[in-house]
């Protein structure tokens, strides 16, 4: 139940902090949320924070920002979105993707992860130019990667 609540909170925060195009303005002007600063932290429970941090750095190119009280924070895109790894002794991991990353070259990243012996599910095309696959960190956390194929 706690994990479901955390997922709902993360989705809610991401939805609230997303910038949207100003309605009817015909411009690319952004509407900024007046309450939140747009920074988002995604929490991932792992059994070994150091091992997990190295895995994310080596396989996804995410850079380490800080380590505080056994938690490691990694930058996904500058200081806007961070991945926080937290030590957990929980044995049951969710059967669904908690984190969904986007890439500009999904085939290249898929091949890269395979070459690094990362467990990946098949690359699928649910429609149009959109492609996706699931992959797993050393603790079995299921994540999703999506992107668009270049024509």
N, C-alpha and C. Protein backbone atom coordinates (compact mmCIF):
# COMPACT_ATOMS: atom_id res chain seq x y z
N UNK A 1 0.82 -1.18 0.00
CA UNK A 1 0.00 0.00 0.00
C UNK A 1 0.88 1.26 0.00
N UNK A 2 1.98 1.21 0.76
CA UNK A 2 2.88 2.35 0.83
C UNK A 2 3.49 2.67 -0.54
N UNK A 3 3.84 1.61 -1.30
CA UNK A 3 4.44 1.82 -2.62
C UNK A 3 3.43 2.42 -3.58
N UNK A 4 2.18 1.99 -3.50
CA UNK A 4 1.13 2.54 -4.37
C UNK A 4 0.95 4.02 -4.07
N UNK A 5 0.92 4.37 -2.79
CA UNK A 5 0.77 5.77 -2.40
C UNK A 5 1.95 6.59 -2.90
N UNK A 6 3.17 6.03 -2.82
CA UNK A 6 4.36 6.73 -3.31
C UNK A 6 4.28 6.95 -4.81
N UNK A 7 3.83 5.94 -5.53
CA UNK A 7 3.72 6.06 -6.99
C UNK A 7 2.70 7.13 -7.34
N UNK A 8 1.56 7.13 -6.66
CA UNK A 8 0.53 8.13 -6.93
C UNK A 8 1.08 9.52 -6.64
N UNK A 9 1.84 9.67 -5.55
CA UNK A 9 2.42 10.96 -5.21
C UNK A 9 3.40 11.42 -6.28
N UNK A 10 4.27 10.53 -6.75
CA UNK A 10 5.25 10.89 -7.79
C UNK A 10 4.53 11.32 -9.05
N UNK A 11 3.51 10.57 -9.48
CA UNK A 11 2.76 10.92 -10.68
C UNK A 11 2.07 12.27 -10.50
N UNK A 12 1.49 12.50 -9.34
CA UNK A 12 0.83 13.77 -9.06
C UNK A 12 1.81 14.93 -9.12
N UNK A 13 2.97 14.76 -8.49
CA UNK A 13 3.98 15.82 -8.51
C UNK A 13 4.44 16.10 -9.93
N UNK A 14 4.69 15.04 -10.69
CA UNK A 14 5.15 15.22 -12.07
C UNK A 14 4.08 15.92 -12.90
N UNK A 15 2.82 15.60 -12.67
CA UNK A 15 1.74 16.23 -13.41
C UNK A 15 1.61 17.70 -13.04
N UNK A 16 1.67 17.99 -11.75
CA UNK A 16 1.54 19.37 -11.29
C UNK A 16 2.70 20.23 -11.77
N UNK A 17 3.91 19.68 -11.76
CA UNK A 17 5.08 20.49 -12.08
C UNK A 17 5.35 20.62 -13.57
N UNK A 18 4.63 19.86 -14.37
CA UNK A 18 4.85 19.92 -15.82
C UNK A 18 4.45 21.29 -16.34
N UNK A 19 5.28 21.86 -17.19
CA UNK A 19 4.94 23.12 -17.82
C UNK A 19 4.07 22.82 -19.03
N UNK A 20 3.08 23.67 -19.26
CA UNK A 20 2.20 23.49 -20.40
C UNK A 20 2.25 24.71 -21.28
N UNK A 21 1.93 24.53 -22.55
CA UNK A 21 1.90 25.65 -23.47
C UNK A 21 0.70 26.52 -23.15
N UNK A 22 0.88 27.80 -23.12
CA UNK A 22 -0.21 28.71 -22.80
C UNK A 22 -1.35 28.52 -23.77
N UNK A 23 -2.53 28.27 -23.25
CA UNK A 23 -3.70 27.97 -24.07
C UNK A 23 -4.10 29.17 -24.91
N UNK A 24 -4.29 28.92 -26.21
CA UNK A 24 -4.80 29.94 -27.11
C UNK A 24 -3.85 31.06 -27.44
N UNK A 25 -2.63 31.05 -26.93
CA UNK A 25 -1.73 32.17 -27.19
C UNK A 25 -1.04 32.06 -28.53
N UNK A 26 -0.94 30.82 -29.06
CA UNK A 26 -0.26 30.65 -30.33
C UNK A 26 1.25 30.81 -30.23
N UNK A 27 1.77 30.90 -29.02
CA UNK A 27 3.22 31.04 -28.82
C UNK A 27 3.74 29.87 -28.03
N UNK A 28 5.04 29.83 -27.87
CA UNK A 28 5.66 28.77 -27.07
C UNK A 28 5.88 29.21 -25.63
N UNK A 29 5.21 30.28 -25.20
CA UNK A 29 5.34 30.77 -23.83
C UNK A 29 4.91 29.69 -22.86
N UNK A 30 5.69 29.51 -21.79
CA UNK A 30 5.41 28.48 -20.80
C UNK A 30 4.64 29.06 -19.63
N UNK A 31 3.73 28.26 -19.09
CA UNK A 31 3.02 28.62 -17.87
C UNK A 31 3.75 27.94 -16.73
N UNK A 32 4.17 28.70 -15.73
CA UNK A 32 4.94 28.16 -14.62
C UNK A 32 4.02 27.94 -13.44
N UNK A 33 4.18 26.79 -12.77
CA UNK A 33 3.39 26.49 -11.59
C UNK A 33 3.76 27.48 -10.49
N UNK A 34 2.77 28.09 -9.86
CA UNK A 34 3.04 29.10 -8.85
C UNK A 34 3.43 28.53 -7.49
N UNK A 35 3.23 27.23 -7.28
CA UNK A 35 3.49 26.64 -5.99
C UNK A 35 4.74 25.77 -5.95
N UNK A 36 5.03 25.08 -7.03
CA UNK A 36 6.16 24.15 -7.05
C UNK A 36 7.22 24.65 -8.01
N UNK A 37 8.48 24.30 -7.74
CA UNK A 37 9.58 24.83 -8.53
C UNK A 37 9.95 23.98 -9.74
N UNK A 38 9.25 22.86 -9.97
CA UNK A 38 9.52 22.04 -11.14
C UNK A 38 10.54 20.94 -10.92
N UNK A 39 11.20 20.95 -9.77
CA UNK A 39 12.16 19.89 -9.48
C UNK A 39 11.43 18.64 -8.99
N UNK A 40 11.87 17.49 -9.48
CA UNK A 40 11.22 16.24 -9.14
C UNK A 40 12.28 15.22 -8.73
N UNK A 41 11.98 14.46 -7.68
CA UNK A 41 12.86 13.38 -7.25
C UNK A 41 12.09 12.08 -7.37
N UNK A 42 12.67 11.11 -8.06
CA UNK A 42 12.09 9.78 -8.19
C UNK A 42 12.83 8.87 -7.22
N UNK A 43 12.11 8.22 -6.33
CA UNK A 43 12.72 7.36 -5.32
C UNK A 43 12.70 5.92 -5.77
N UNK A 44 13.87 5.27 -5.72
CA UNK A 44 13.98 3.86 -6.09
C UNK A 44 14.59 3.11 -4.91
N UNK A 45 13.86 2.11 -4.41
CA UNK A 45 14.36 1.28 -3.31
C UNK A 45 15.28 0.21 -3.87
N UNK A 46 16.47 0.09 -3.29
CA UNK A 46 17.46 -0.89 -3.74
C UNK A 46 18.07 -1.59 -2.53
N UNK A 47 18.70 -2.73 -2.75
CA UNK A 47 19.31 -3.46 -1.64
C UNK A 47 20.73 -3.00 -1.34
N UNK A 48 21.40 -2.37 -2.31
CA UNK A 48 22.77 -1.89 -2.12
C UNK A 48 22.91 -0.58 -2.89
N UNK A 49 22.86 0.55 -2.17
CA UNK A 49 22.85 1.85 -2.84
C UNK A 49 24.10 2.11 -3.67
N UNK A 50 25.27 1.70 -3.18
CA UNK A 50 26.50 1.94 -3.93
C UNK A 50 26.54 1.13 -5.23
N UNK A 51 26.18 -0.13 -5.13
CA UNK A 51 26.15 -0.99 -6.32
C UNK A 51 25.12 -0.46 -7.32
N UNK A 52 23.96 -0.04 -6.83
CA UNK A 52 22.92 0.48 -7.72
C UNK A 52 23.37 1.78 -8.38
N UNK A 53 24.02 2.67 -7.63
CA UNK A 53 24.48 3.94 -8.19
C UNK A 53 25.47 3.70 -9.33
N UNK A 54 26.41 2.79 -9.13
CA UNK A 54 27.37 2.46 -10.18
C UNK A 54 26.64 1.92 -11.41
N UNK A 55 25.64 1.06 -11.18
CA UNK A 55 24.88 0.48 -12.30
C UNK A 55 24.19 1.58 -13.10
N UNK A 56 23.53 2.53 -12.43
CA UNK A 56 22.84 3.62 -13.13
C UNK A 56 23.83 4.53 -13.85
N UNK A 57 24.97 4.78 -13.23
CA UNK A 57 25.99 5.62 -13.86
C UNK A 57 26.54 4.95 -15.12
N UNK A 58 26.90 3.68 -15.01
CA UNK A 58 27.53 2.97 -16.13
C UNK A 58 26.56 2.65 -17.26
N UNK A 59 25.32 2.33 -16.95
CA UNK A 59 24.39 1.87 -17.97
C UNK A 59 23.48 2.95 -18.54
N UNK A 60 23.18 3.99 -17.76
CA UNK A 60 22.30 5.05 -18.25
C UNK A 60 22.99 6.41 -18.32
N UNK A 61 24.24 6.48 -17.88
CA UNK A 61 24.98 7.74 -17.96
C UNK A 61 24.48 8.80 -16.99
N UNK A 62 23.77 8.38 -15.95
CA UNK A 62 23.26 9.31 -14.95
C UNK A 62 24.42 9.65 -14.00
N UNK A 63 24.56 10.93 -13.65
CA UNK A 63 25.69 11.35 -12.82
C UNK A 63 25.31 11.51 -11.35
N UNK A 64 26.23 11.12 -10.50
CA UNK A 64 26.03 11.19 -9.05
C UNK A 64 26.14 12.64 -8.59
N UNK A 65 25.17 13.05 -7.78
CA UNK A 65 25.18 14.41 -7.25
C UNK A 65 25.63 14.46 -5.79
N UNK A 66 25.06 13.56 -4.98
CA UNK A 66 25.30 13.67 -3.54
C UNK A 66 24.99 12.34 -2.85
N UNK A 67 25.53 12.17 -1.67
CA UNK A 67 25.21 11.02 -0.83
C UNK A 67 24.94 11.55 0.57
N UNK A 68 23.72 11.26 1.07
CA UNK A 68 23.31 11.76 2.37
C UNK A 68 22.67 10.61 3.15
N UNK A 69 23.22 10.32 4.31
CA UNK A 69 22.65 9.30 5.20
C UNK A 69 22.28 8.00 4.48
N UNK A 70 23.19 7.48 3.69
CA UNK A 70 22.95 6.20 3.02
C UNK A 70 22.09 6.29 1.77
N UNK A 71 21.67 7.48 1.39
CA UNK A 71 20.91 7.67 0.15
C UNK A 71 21.85 8.30 -0.87
N UNK A 72 21.71 7.89 -2.12
CA UNK A 72 22.51 8.49 -3.18
C UNK A 72 21.57 9.17 -4.16
N UNK A 73 21.91 10.40 -4.52
CA UNK A 73 21.11 11.18 -5.45
C UNK A 73 21.88 11.31 -6.76
N UNK A 74 21.18 11.03 -7.87
CA UNK A 74 21.78 11.08 -9.20
C UNK A 74 21.00 12.06 -10.06
N UNK A 75 21.69 12.75 -10.95
CA UNK A 75 21.04 13.71 -11.83
C UNK A 75 20.60 13.04 -13.12
N UNK A 76 19.33 13.21 -13.46
CA UNK A 76 18.83 12.69 -14.73
C UNK A 76 18.96 13.77 -15.80
N UNK A 77 18.61 15.02 -15.46
CA UNK A 77 18.72 16.12 -16.43
C UNK A 77 19.03 17.42 -15.69
N UNK A 78 20.27 17.58 -15.36
CA UNK A 78 20.67 18.77 -14.62
C UNK A 78 20.11 18.72 -13.22
N UNK A 79 19.54 19.83 -12.78
CA UNK A 79 19.00 19.83 -11.41
C UNK A 79 17.48 19.78 -11.39
N UNK A 80 16.84 19.49 -12.53
CA UNK A 80 15.38 19.43 -12.57
C UNK A 80 14.82 18.09 -12.08
N UNK A 81 15.44 16.99 -12.48
CA UNK A 81 14.93 15.67 -12.11
C UNK A 81 16.08 14.84 -11.56
N UNK A 82 15.85 14.28 -10.38
CA UNK A 82 16.86 13.44 -9.75
C UNK A 82 16.31 12.06 -9.46
N UNK A 83 17.20 11.09 -9.46
CA UNK A 83 16.88 9.74 -9.04
C UNK A 83 17.52 9.55 -7.68
N UNK A 84 16.71 9.24 -6.67
CA UNK A 84 17.22 9.01 -5.31
C UNK A 84 17.18 7.52 -5.03
N UNK A 85 18.32 6.96 -4.72
CA UNK A 85 18.42 5.54 -4.37
C UNK A 85 18.44 5.43 -2.86
N UNK A 86 17.55 4.60 -2.32
CA UNK A 86 17.44 4.46 -0.88
C UNK A 86 17.52 2.99 -0.50
N UNK A 87 18.30 2.72 0.55
CA UNK A 87 18.48 1.35 1.03
C UNK A 87 17.14 0.77 1.48
N UNK A 88 16.83 -0.45 1.05
CA UNK A 88 15.58 -1.10 1.42
C UNK A 88 15.82 -2.58 1.64
N UNK A 89 15.18 -3.12 2.62
CA UNK A 89 15.27 -4.55 2.89
C UNK A 89 14.03 -5.29 2.38
N UNK A 90 13.16 -4.57 1.69
CA UNK A 90 11.95 -5.20 1.20
C UNK A 90 12.27 -6.26 0.17
N UNK A 91 11.63 -7.40 0.30
CA UNK A 91 11.89 -8.53 -0.61
C UNK A 91 11.01 -8.49 -1.84
N UNK A 92 9.81 -7.94 -1.71
CA UNK A 92 8.91 -7.93 -2.86
C UNK A 92 9.01 -6.60 -3.59
N UNK A 93 9.30 -6.68 -4.87
CA UNK A 93 9.41 -5.49 -5.70
C UNK A 93 8.16 -5.39 -6.57
N UNK A 94 7.76 -4.19 -6.94
CA UNK A 94 6.54 -4.05 -7.75
C UNK A 94 6.70 -4.71 -9.11
N UNK A 95 5.62 -5.31 -9.63
CA UNK A 95 5.68 -5.98 -10.94
C UNK A 95 5.52 -5.02 -12.12
N UNK A 96 5.47 -3.75 -11.85
CA UNK A 96 5.24 -2.75 -12.88
C UNK A 96 6.36 -1.72 -12.87
N UNK A 97 6.45 -0.95 -13.95
CA UNK A 97 7.49 0.07 -14.04
C UNK A 97 7.10 1.28 -13.19
N UNK A 98 7.98 1.68 -12.29
CA UNK A 98 7.76 2.86 -11.47
C UNK A 98 8.36 4.09 -12.15
N UNK A 99 9.42 3.87 -12.88
CA UNK A 99 10.12 4.95 -13.56
C UNK A 99 10.02 4.72 -15.07
N UNK A 100 9.71 5.78 -15.80
CA UNK A 100 9.61 5.73 -17.25
C UNK A 100 10.54 6.80 -17.82
N UNK A 101 11.62 6.34 -18.45
CA UNK A 101 12.59 7.26 -19.06
C UNK A 101 12.24 7.45 -20.54
N UNK A 102 12.69 8.56 -21.10
CA UNK A 102 12.52 8.80 -22.53
C UNK A 102 13.89 9.01 -23.16
N UNK A 103 14.06 8.48 -24.37
CA UNK A 103 15.32 8.63 -25.09
C UNK A 103 15.04 9.12 -26.50
N UNK A 104 16.04 9.74 -27.11
CA UNK A 104 15.90 10.21 -28.48
C UNK A 104 16.28 9.14 -29.50
N UNK A 105 16.98 8.09 -29.07
CA UNK A 105 17.39 7.02 -29.98
C UNK A 105 17.20 5.67 -29.28
N UNK A 106 15.98 5.17 -29.33
CA UNK A 106 15.63 3.98 -28.55
C UNK A 106 16.37 2.73 -29.02
N UNK A 107 16.58 2.59 -30.33
CA UNK A 107 17.30 1.40 -30.81
C UNK A 107 18.74 1.40 -30.32
N UNK A 108 19.38 2.56 -30.35
CA UNK A 108 20.77 2.65 -29.90
C UNK A 108 20.89 2.33 -28.40
N UNK A 109 19.98 2.87 -27.59
CA UNK A 109 20.03 2.60 -26.16
C UNK A 109 19.72 1.14 -25.87
N UNK A 110 18.77 0.56 -26.59
CA UNK A 110 18.41 -0.85 -26.40
C UNK A 110 19.65 -1.73 -26.66
N UNK A 111 20.35 -1.46 -27.76
CA UNK A 111 21.55 -2.24 -28.09
C UNK A 111 22.65 -2.01 -27.04
N UNK A 112 22.76 -0.77 -26.57
CA UNK A 112 23.77 -0.46 -25.54
C UNK A 112 23.51 -1.26 -24.27
N UNK A 113 22.26 -1.28 -23.80
CA UNK A 113 21.94 -2.01 -22.57
C UNK A 113 22.16 -3.51 -22.76
N UNK A 114 21.82 -4.03 -23.94
CA UNK A 114 22.08 -5.45 -24.21
C UNK A 114 23.57 -5.74 -24.16
N UNK A 115 24.37 -4.85 -24.72
CA UNK A 115 25.82 -5.06 -24.74
C UNK A 115 26.43 -5.01 -23.34
N UNK A 116 25.74 -4.36 -22.41
CA UNK A 116 26.20 -4.27 -21.02
C UNK A 116 25.60 -5.40 -20.17
N UNK A 117 24.93 -6.37 -20.83
CA UNK A 117 24.30 -7.51 -20.16
C UNK A 117 23.21 -7.11 -19.17
N UNK A 118 22.55 -5.99 -19.46
CA UNK A 118 21.40 -5.56 -18.66
C UNK A 118 20.20 -6.39 -19.09
N UNK A 119 19.41 -6.86 -18.13
CA UNK A 119 18.21 -7.61 -18.47
C UNK A 119 17.21 -6.65 -19.11
N UNK A 120 16.83 -6.94 -20.35
CA UNK A 120 15.85 -6.13 -21.07
C UNK A 120 14.77 -7.02 -21.66
N UNK A 121 13.54 -6.53 -21.64
CA UNK A 121 12.45 -7.21 -22.33
C UNK A 121 12.51 -6.81 -23.80
N UNK A 122 11.77 -7.50 -24.65
CA UNK A 122 11.81 -7.16 -26.08
C UNK A 122 11.38 -5.73 -26.36
N UNK A 123 12.00 -5.15 -27.36
CA UNK A 123 11.64 -3.83 -27.85
C UNK A 123 10.33 -3.97 -28.62
N UNK A 124 9.32 -3.21 -28.23
CA UNK A 124 8.01 -3.33 -28.87
C UNK A 124 7.57 -2.01 -29.47
N UNK A 125 6.68 -2.13 -30.44
CA UNK A 125 6.13 -0.98 -31.14
C UNK A 125 4.61 -0.98 -30.99
N UNK A 126 4.08 -0.31 -29.94
CA UNK A 126 2.64 -0.31 -29.74
C UNK A 126 1.88 0.49 -30.79
N UNK A 127 2.57 1.28 -31.60
CA UNK A 127 1.89 2.02 -32.66
C UNK A 127 2.70 3.18 -33.17
N UNK A 128 2.58 3.44 -34.46
CA UNK A 128 3.25 4.58 -35.08
C UNK A 128 4.75 4.54 -34.88
N UNK A 129 5.36 5.71 -34.68
CA UNK A 129 6.81 5.76 -34.49
C UNK A 129 7.25 5.51 -33.04
N UNK A 130 6.29 5.23 -32.16
CA UNK A 130 6.56 5.05 -30.73
C UNK A 130 7.05 3.64 -30.44
N UNK A 131 8.16 3.52 -29.71
CA UNK A 131 8.74 2.24 -29.32
C UNK A 131 8.99 2.25 -27.82
N UNK A 132 9.01 1.07 -27.21
CA UNK A 132 9.26 0.97 -25.78
C UNK A 132 9.82 -0.39 -25.42
N UNK A 133 10.46 -0.45 -24.24
CA UNK A 133 10.88 -1.73 -23.66
C UNK A 133 11.03 -1.53 -22.16
N UNK A 134 10.98 -2.64 -21.44
CA UNK A 134 11.23 -2.64 -20.01
C UNK A 134 12.63 -3.18 -19.77
N UNK A 135 13.26 -2.69 -18.71
CA UNK A 135 14.58 -3.18 -18.32
C UNK A 135 14.65 -3.19 -16.81
N UNK A 136 15.68 -3.85 -16.27
CA UNK A 136 15.74 -4.11 -14.84
C UNK A 136 17.10 -3.77 -14.28
N UNK A 137 17.11 -3.20 -13.08
CA UNK A 137 18.37 -2.95 -12.40
C UNK A 137 18.78 -4.22 -11.64
N UNK A 138 19.94 -4.23 -10.98
CA UNK A 138 20.40 -5.45 -10.31
C UNK A 138 19.45 -5.97 -9.22
N UNK A 139 18.59 -5.10 -8.67
CA UNK A 139 17.63 -5.53 -7.65
C UNK A 139 16.33 -6.03 -8.26
N UNK A 140 16.23 -6.02 -9.58
CA UNK A 140 15.01 -6.48 -10.24
C UNK A 140 13.95 -5.40 -10.38
N UNK A 141 14.30 -4.14 -10.07
CA UNK A 141 13.34 -3.06 -10.27
C UNK A 141 13.06 -2.91 -11.75
N UNK A 142 11.79 -3.00 -12.12
CA UNK A 142 11.37 -2.91 -13.52
C UNK A 142 11.18 -1.45 -13.88
N UNK A 143 11.82 -1.04 -14.97
CA UNK A 143 11.70 0.33 -15.46
C UNK A 143 11.31 0.30 -16.92
N UNK A 144 10.82 1.41 -17.39
CA UNK A 144 10.37 1.49 -18.79
C UNK A 144 11.21 2.54 -19.50
N UNK A 145 11.51 2.27 -20.75
CA UNK A 145 12.20 3.22 -21.62
C UNK A 145 11.32 3.39 -22.83
N UNK A 146 11.10 4.63 -23.24
CA UNK A 146 10.31 4.85 -24.46
C UNK A 146 10.96 5.92 -25.31
N UNK A 147 10.60 5.91 -26.57
CA UNK A 147 11.14 6.89 -27.51
C UNK A 147 10.50 6.72 -28.86
N UNK A 148 10.90 7.55 -29.76
CA UNK A 148 10.36 7.53 -31.11
C UNK A 148 11.45 7.16 -32.10
N UNK A 149 11.08 6.33 -33.06
CA UNK A 149 12.03 5.90 -34.09
C UNK A 149 12.18 7.02 -35.10
N UNK A 150 13.39 7.24 -35.54
CA UNK A 150 13.63 8.23 -36.58
C UNK A 150 13.23 7.64 -37.91
N UNK A 151 12.53 8.44 -38.71
CA UNK A 151 12.05 7.95 -40.01
C UNK A 151 13.18 7.81 -41.00
